[in-house]
Protein backbone atom coordinates (compact mmCIF):
# COMPACT_ATOMS: atom_id res chain seq x y z
CA UNK A 1 0.00 0.00 0.00
CA UNK A 2 2.76 2.41 0.94
CA UNK A 3 4.87 2.06 -2.21
CA UNK A 4 1.78 2.08 -4.44
CA UNK A 5 0.43 5.32 -3.03
CA UNK A 6 3.88 6.88 -3.01
CA UNK A 7 3.96 6.77 -6.81
CA UNK A 8 1.14 9.28 -7.11
CA UNK A 9 2.48 11.43 -4.30
CA UNK A 10 5.86 11.77 -6.00
CA UNK A 11 4.32 12.48 -9.41
CA UNK A 12 2.19 15.16 -7.75
CA UNK A 13 5.32 16.70 -6.24
CA UNK A 14 7.11 16.51 -9.60
CA UNK A 15 4.37 18.57 -11.23
CA UNK A 16 5.21 21.35 -8.78
CA UNK A 17 8.97 20.94 -9.06
CA UNK A 18 11.21 23.96 -8.67
CA UNK A 19 13.52 22.93 -11.48
CA UNK A 20 14.02 20.28 -14.14
CA UNK A 21 16.47 18.49 -11.85
CA UNK A 22 13.88 18.46 -9.07
CA UNK A 23 11.26 17.15 -11.52
CA UNK A 24 13.56 14.35 -12.66
CA UNK A 25 14.43 13.45 -9.10
CA UNK A 26 10.79 13.12 -8.08
CA UNK A 27 9.92 11.14 -11.20
CA UNK A 28 12.84 8.78 -10.56
CA UNK A 29 11.54 8.21 -7.05
CA UNK A 30 8.07 7.49 -8.47
CA UNK A 31 9.63 4.98 -10.87
CA UNK A 32 11.49 3.26 -8.03
CA UNK A 33 8.28 3.06 -6.01
CA UNK A 34 6.50 1.54 -9.01
CA UNK A 35 9.21 -1.09 -9.21
CA UNK A 36 8.80 -1.84 -5.52
CA UNK A 37 5.04 -2.08 -5.96
CA UNK A 38 5.54 -4.56 -8.80
CA UNK A 39 7.69 -6.67 -6.46
CA UNK A 40 5.03 -6.68 -3.72
CA UNK A 41 2.28 -7.65 -6.15
CA UNK A 42 4.35 -10.60 -7.38
CA UNK A 43 5.05 -11.63 -3.79
CA UNK A 44 1.35 -11.43 -2.91
CA UNK A 45 0.60 -13.71 -5.86
CA UNK A 46 3.29 -16.24 -4.90
CA UNK A 47 1.95 -16.43 -1.37
CA UNK A 48 -1.61 -16.90 -2.71
CA UNK A 49 -2.81 -13.69 -1.09
CA UNK A 50 -3.85 -12.64 -4.61
CA UNK A 51 -5.08 -15.04 -7.25
CA UNK A 52 -3.24 -15.23 -10.56
CA UNK A 53 -6.13 -13.41 -12.22
CA UNK A 54 -6.13 -10.60 -9.63
CA UNK A 55 -2.35 -10.24 -9.77
CA UNK A 56 -2.29 -10.26 -13.59
CA UNK A 57 -4.65 -7.30 -13.82
CA UNK A 58 -2.83 -5.28 -11.21
CA UNK A 59 0.59 -6.14 -12.66
CA UNK A 60 -0.55 -5.05 -16.11
CA UNK A 61 -1.54 -1.65 -14.71
CA UNK A 62 1.71 -1.38 -12.79
CA UNK A 63 3.82 -2.27 -15.84
CA UNK A 64 1.94 0.31 -17.90
CA UNK A 65 2.63 2.93 -15.26
CA UNK A 66 6.33 2.03 -15.31
CA UNK A 67 6.37 2.48 -19.10
CA UNK A 68 4.71 5.89 -18.77
CA UNK A 69 7.18 7.03 -16.11
CA UNK A 70 10.14 5.83 -18.20
CA UNK A 71 8.80 7.70 -21.22
CA UNK A 72 8.40 10.91 -19.19
CA UNK A 73 11.95 10.59 -17.87
CA UNK A 74 13.42 9.92 -21.33
CA UNK A 75 11.52 12.81 -22.90
CA UNK A 76 12.52 15.23 -20.14
CA UNK A 77 16.17 14.19 -20.25
CA UNK A 78 16.18 14.52 -24.04
CA UNK A 79 15.08 18.14 -23.79
CA UNK A 80 17.99 18.99 -21.51
CA UNK A 81 20.90 17.22 -23.17
C-alpha cells in the first residue's frame, strides 16, 4: 500500500517541481516506487494472497505505469541534453 500510493504522491510533487532536476528526481523516485510495488504484487501472488487473475490485472496496470514514467523521464532528459 505504501509504495503504491507513493507513486502518485511523487508524481504530484514533480508537477510542482522547482527545477528540471527536481522534476527528474521526483519522477525517478516514483519509478522506483512503481518497481517496488511490482515486487510486492508478485510476492502477494506467490503467497496466494492474490489469485493469478487478480495479480495479472494489477501487474498489467503497474507495468503500464512504469512504461509511462520511463517515457516521461526519457523525454525530459532529451530536452535537456
